[in-house]
Amino acid sequence: MNLSETLEQCRADNDYQTLVDAIPYARTIGMGCMKAGDEVIFTLPALASNVGNPTLPAIHGGVLGGFIEQSLQLHVMMVMDTPALPKVIDLSIDYLSAGLFRDSFAECEVLRMGRRIANVAVKVWQGKKNEPIVSARAHLLLI
């Protein structure tokens, strides 16, 4: 099944986990997706392979960055009419605190979507939604 068919099926079922699983990196880090109404929350489970600092233990910053990037792209793809994975133009990540060895959650917000560019913000948290461990903003090229 190609990306277009996968996205159509996910929209029909209102379950986007198949779309997440179609991306190898998202599968590698164990990324998940929960959808309730219009709200989409991406999940990153606590996996030993995602740990960067075993003494704390803490999730590797690159894994968190990749999780953010995949979340941004998938979220924009879910709200777009065309089934194309947008390309990241720039991404600015603020690491606010250590990502401890716990499940992490991300929520994206499209701040502005034009014909060619989308501006999206992401917030990642572990315990409380109002206490993010990472925040980011990105510009994506819509293909």
C-alpha atoms as a PDB file:
ATOM      1  CA  MET A   1       0.000   0.000   0.000  1.00  0.00           C
ATOM      2  CA  ASN A   2       1.440   3.399  -0.947  1.00  0.00           C
ATOM      3  CA  LEU A   3       1.406   6.517   1.214  1.00  0.00           C
ATOM      4  CA  SER A   4      -1.688   7.942  -0.468  1.00  0.00           C
ATOM      5  CA  GLU A   5      -3.718   4.772   0.115  1.00  0.00           C
ATOM      6  CA  THR A   6      -2.439   4.482   3.683  1.00  0.00           C
ATOM      7  CA  LEU A   7      -3.494   8.060   4.472  1.00  0.00           C
ATOM      8  CA  GLU A   8      -6.936   7.544   2.899  1.00  0.00           C
ATOM      9  CA  GLN A   9      -7.452   4.385   4.972  1.00  0.00           C
ATOM     10  CA  CYS A  10      -6.324   6.142   8.163  1.00  0.00           C
ATOM     11  CA  ARG A  11      -8.730   9.011   7.545  1.00  0.00           C
ATOM     12  CA  ALA A  12     -11.584   6.569   6.932  1.00  0.00           C
ATOM     13  CA  ASP A  13     -10.797   4.618  10.128  1.00  0.00           C
ATOM     14  CA  ASN A  14      -9.852   7.745  12.142  1.00  0.00           C
ATOM     15  CA  ASP A  15      -6.757   5.780  13.273  1.00  0.00           C
ATOM     16  CA  TYR A  16      -3.368   7.096  12.157  1.00  0.00           C
ATOM     17  CA  GLN A  17      -1.108   4.460  13.733  1.00  0.00           C
ATOM     18  CA  THR A  18      -0.776   2.711  10.349  1.00  0.00           C
ATOM     19  CA  LEU A  19       0.562   5.960   8.886  1.00  0.00           C
ATOM     20  CA  VAL A  20       3.088   6.295  11.729  1.00  0.00           C
ATOM     21  CA  ASP A  21       4.167   2.671  11.233  1.00  0.00           C
ATOM     22  CA  ALA A  22       4.777   3.349   7.527  1.00  0.00           C
ATOM     23  CA  ILE A  23       7.765   5.551   8.459  1.00  0.00           C
ATOM     24  CA  PRO A  24      10.844   3.451   9.375  1.00  0.00           C
ATOM     25  CA  TYR A  25      12.369   5.913  11.875  1.00  0.00           C
ATOM     26  CA  ALA A  26       9.055   6.345  13.689  1.00  0.00           C
ATOM     27  CA  ARG A  27       8.802   2.561  13.932  1.00  0.00           C
ATOM     28  CA  THR A  28      12.397   2.315  15.207  1.00  0.00           C
ATOM     29  CA  ILE A  29      11.835   4.680  18.141  1.00  0.00           C
ATOM     30  CA  GLY A  30       8.439   3.099  18.901  1.00  0.00           C
ATOM     31  CA  MET A  31       6.410   6.202  18.078  1.00  0.00           C
ATOM     32  CA  GLY A  32       2.636   6.007  18.445  1.00  0.00           C
ATOM     33  CA  CYS A  33      -0.377   8.166  17.682  1.00  0.00           C
ATOM     34  CA  MET A  34      -3.624   8.697  19.571  1.00  0.00           C
ATOM     35  CA  LYS A  35      -6.500  10.640  18.060  1.00  0.00           C
ATOM     36  CA  ALA A  36      -9.529  11.897  19.967  1.00  0.00           C
ATOM     37  CA  GLY A  37     -11.788  14.129  17.930  1.00  0.00           C
ATOM     38  CA  ASP A  38      -9.623  16.818  16.361  1.00  0.00           C
ATOM     39  CA  GLU A  39      -6.818  16.397  18.895  1.00  0.00           C
ATOM     40  CA  VAL A  40      -3.804  14.263  17.987  1.00  0.00           C
ATOM     41  CA  ILE A  41      -1.196  13.210  20.543  1.00  0.00           C
ATOM     42  CA  PHE A  42       1.983  11.462  19.485  1.00  0.00           C
ATOM     43  CA  THR A  43       3.630   9.075  21.943  1.00  0.00           C
ATOM     44  CA  LEU A  44       7.227   8.032  22.521  1.00  0.00           C
ATOM     45  CA  PRO A  45       7.457   5.036  24.862  1.00  0.00           C
ATOM     46  CA  ALA A  46      10.288   4.549  27.324  1.00  0.00           C
ATOM     47  CA  LEU A  47      12.525   2.121  25.414  1.00  0.00           C
ATOM     48  CA  ALA A  48      16.071   1.182  26.394  1.00  0.00           C
ATOM     49  CA  SER A  49      17.190   1.811  22.793  1.00  0.00           C
ATOM     50  CA  ASN A  50      16.107   5.486  23.111  1.00  0.00           C
ATOM     51  CA  VAL A  51      18.315   6.178  26.160  1.00  0.00           C
ATOM     52  CA  GLY A  52      21.273   8.498  25.653  1.00  0.00           C
ATOM     53  CA  ASN A  53      22.519   8.907  29.231  1.00  0.00           C
ATOM     54  CA  PRO A  54      22.264   5.615  31.128  1.00  0.00           C
ATOM     55  CA  THR A  55      23.372   7.158  34.448  1.00  0.00           C
ATOM     56  CA  LEU A  56      20.236   9.314  34.798  1.00  0.00           C
ATOM     57  CA  PRO A  57      18.723   7.523  32.669  1.00  0.00           C
ATOM     58  CA  ALA A  58      17.544  10.047  30.096  1.00  0.00           C
ATOM     59  CA  ILE A  59      16.231   9.892  26.546  1.00  0.00           C
ATOM     60  CA  HIS A  60      18.788  10.852  23.923  1.00  0.00           C
ATOM     61  CA  GLY A  61      18.311  14.439  22.701  1.00  0.00           C
ATOM     62  CA  GLY A  62      18.541  13.249  19.098  1.00  0.00           C
ATOM     63  CA  VAL A  63      15.707  10.796  19.673  1.00  0.00           C
ATOM     64  CA  LEU A  64      13.590  13.631  21.103  1.00  0.00           C
ATOM     65  CA  GLY A  65      14.533  15.803  18.112  1.00  0.00           C
ATOM     66  CA  GLY A  66      13.600  13.034  15.681  1.00  0.00           C
ATOM     67  CA  PHE A  67      10.353  12.446  17.563  1.00  0.00           C
ATOM     68  CA  ILE A  68       9.530  16.145  17.233  1.00  0.00           C
ATOM     69  CA  GLU A  69      10.381  16.215  13.537  1.00  0.00           C
ATOM     70  CA  GLN A  70       8.272  13.142  12.774  1.00  0.00           C
ATOM     71  CA  SER A  71       5.381  14.534  14.848  1.00  0.00           C
ATOM     72  CA  LEU A  72       5.456  17.830  12.941  1.00  0.00           C
ATOM     73  CA  GLN A  73       5.500  16.161   9.541  1.00  0.00           C
ATOM     74  CA  LEU A  74       2.782  13.647  10.372  1.00  0.00           C
ATOM     75  CA  HIS A  75       0.532  16.257  11.946  1.00  0.00           C
ATOM     76  CA  VAL A  76       0.726  18.549   8.918  1.00  0.00           C
ATOM     77  CA  MET A  77       0.162  15.574   6.638  1.00  0.00           C
ATOM     78  CA  MET A  78      -2.983  14.686   8.597  1.00  0.00           C
ATOM     79  CA  VAL A  79      -4.485  18.152   8.141  1.00  0.00           C
ATOM     80  CA  MET A  80      -3.422  18.630   4.501  1.00  0.00           C
ATOM     81  CA  ASP A  81      -5.559  17.541   1.584  1.00  0.00           C
ATOM     82  CA  THR A  82      -2.651  16.045  -0.339  1.00  0.00           C
ATOM     83  CA  PRO A  83      -0.883  12.887   0.862  1.00  0.00           C
ATOM     84  CA  ALA A  84       2.703  14.120   0.716  1.00  0.00           C
ATOM     85  CA  LEU A  85       5.206  14.170   3.562  1.00  0.00           C
ATOM     86  CA  PRO A  86       6.199  17.844   4.034  1.00  0.00           C
ATOM     87  CA  LYS A  87       9.882  18.724   4.117  1.00  0.00           C
ATOM     88  CA  VAL A  88      11.434  20.522   7.075  1.00  0.00           C
ATOM     89  CA  ILE A  89      12.864  23.915   6.101  1.00  0.00           C
ATOM     90  CA  ASP A  90      14.007  24.876   9.581  1.00  0.00           C
ATOM     91  CA  LEU A  91      13.482  23.546  13.069  1.00  0.00           C
ATOM     92  CA  SER A  92      14.235  25.306  16.336  1.00  0.00           C
ATOM     93  CA  ILE A  93      14.202  23.099  19.434  1.00  0.00           C
ATOM     94  CA  ASP A  94      14.316  24.305  23.044  1.00  0.00           C
ATOM     95  CA  TYR A  95      15.319  21.540  25.467  1.00  0.00           C
ATOM     96  CA  LEU A  96      13.762  22.732  28.717  1.00  0.00           C
ATOM     97  CA  SER A  97      14.611  19.814  31.020  1.00  0.00           C
ATOM     98  CA  ALA A  98      15.952  16.264  30.867  1.00  0.00           C
ATOM     99  CA  GLY A  99      13.722  13.738  29.178  1.00  0.00           C
ATOM    100  CA  LEU A 100      13.731  11.083  31.859  1.00  0.00           C
ATOM    101  CA  PHE A 101      13.168   7.388  31.154  1.00  0.00           C
ATOM    102  CA  ARG A 102       9.374   7.687  30.965  1.00  0.00           C
ATOM    103  CA  ASP A 103       6.802   7.818  28.220  1.00  0.00           C
ATOM    104  CA  SER A 104       6.753  11.145  26.388  1.00  0.00           C
ATOM    105  CA  PHE A 105       3.880  12.841  24.584  1.00  0.00           C
ATOM    106  CA  ALA A 106       3.807  15.506  21.873  1.00  0.00           C
ATOM    107  CA  GLU A 107       1.079  17.808  20.655  1.00  0.00           C
ATOM    108  CA  CYS A 108       1.403  19.939  17.532  1.00  0.00           C
ATOM    109  CA  GLU A 109      -0.325  23.161  16.618  1.00  0.00           C
ATOM    110  CA  VAL A 110      -0.408  24.587  13.104  1.00  0.00           C
ATOM    111  CA  LEU A 111       0.159  28.296  13.618  1.00  0.00           C
ATOM    112  CA  ARG A 112      -0.143  29.215   9.965  1.00  0.00           C
ATOM    113  CA  MET A 113      -0.607  27.192   6.812  1.00  0.00           C
ATOM    114  CA  GLY A 114      -0.178  28.799   3.441  1.00  0.00           C
ATOM    115  CA  ARG A 115      -0.094  27.289  -0.031  1.00  0.00           C
ATOM    116  CA  ARG A 116       3.597  26.342   0.185  1.00  0.00           C
ATOM    117  CA  ILE A 117       4.735  26.802   3.799  1.00  0.00           C
ATOM    118  CA  ALA A 118       3.350  25.699   7.174  1.00  0.00           C
ATOM    119  CA  ASN A 119       4.475  27.107  10.530  1.00  0.00           C
ATOM    120  CA  VAL A 120       4.009  24.561  13.318  1.00  0.00           C
ATOM    121  CA  ALA A 121       4.726  24.496  17.056  1.00  0.00           C
ATOM    122  CA  VAL A 122       5.240  21.386  19.175  1.00  0.00           C
ATOM    123  CA  LYS A 123       5.185  20.792  22.900  1.00  0.00           C
ATOM    124  CA  VAL A 124       6.591  17.577  24.451  1.00  0.00           C
ATOM    125  CA  TRP A 125       5.819  16.577  28.030  1.00  0.00           C
ATOM    126  CA  GLN A 126       6.154  13.543  30.267  1.00  0.00           C
ATOM    127  CA  GLY A 127       4.245  14.019  33.507  1.00  0.00           C
ATOM    128  CA  LYS A 128       2.071  17.085  33.218  1.00  0.00           C
ATOM    129  CA  LYS A 129       1.000  18.648  29.950  1.00  0.00           C
ATOM    130  CA  ASN A 130       1.577  22.153  31.322  1.00  0.00           C
ATOM    131  CA  GLU A 131       5.219  21.278  32.201  1.00  0.00           C
ATOM    132  CA  PRO A 132       6.898  20.638  28.828  1.00  0.00           C
ATOM    133  CA  ILE A 133      10.374  19.142  28.625  1.00  0.00           C
ATOM    134  CA  VAL A 134      10.870  20.282  25.015  1.00  0.00           C
ATOM    135  CA  SER A 135       9.249  22.889  22.799  1.00  0.00           C
ATOM    136  CA  ALA A 136       9.903  23.524  19.132  1.00  0.00           C
ATOM    137  CA  ARG A 137       8.831  25.563  16.118  1.00  0.00           C
ATOM    138  CA  ALA A 138       9.319  24.648  12.499  1.00  0.00           C
ATOM    139  CA  HIS A 139       8.637  25.770   8.973  1.00  0.00           C
ATOM    140  CA  LEU A 140       7.635  22.983   6.609  1.00  0.00           C
ATOM    141  CA  LEU A 141       7.583  23.014   2.811  1.00  0.00           C
ATOM    142  CA  LEU A 142       4.286  21.651   1.542  1.00  0.00           C
ATOM    143  CA  ILE A 143       4.785  19.548  -1.539  1.00  0.00           C
END
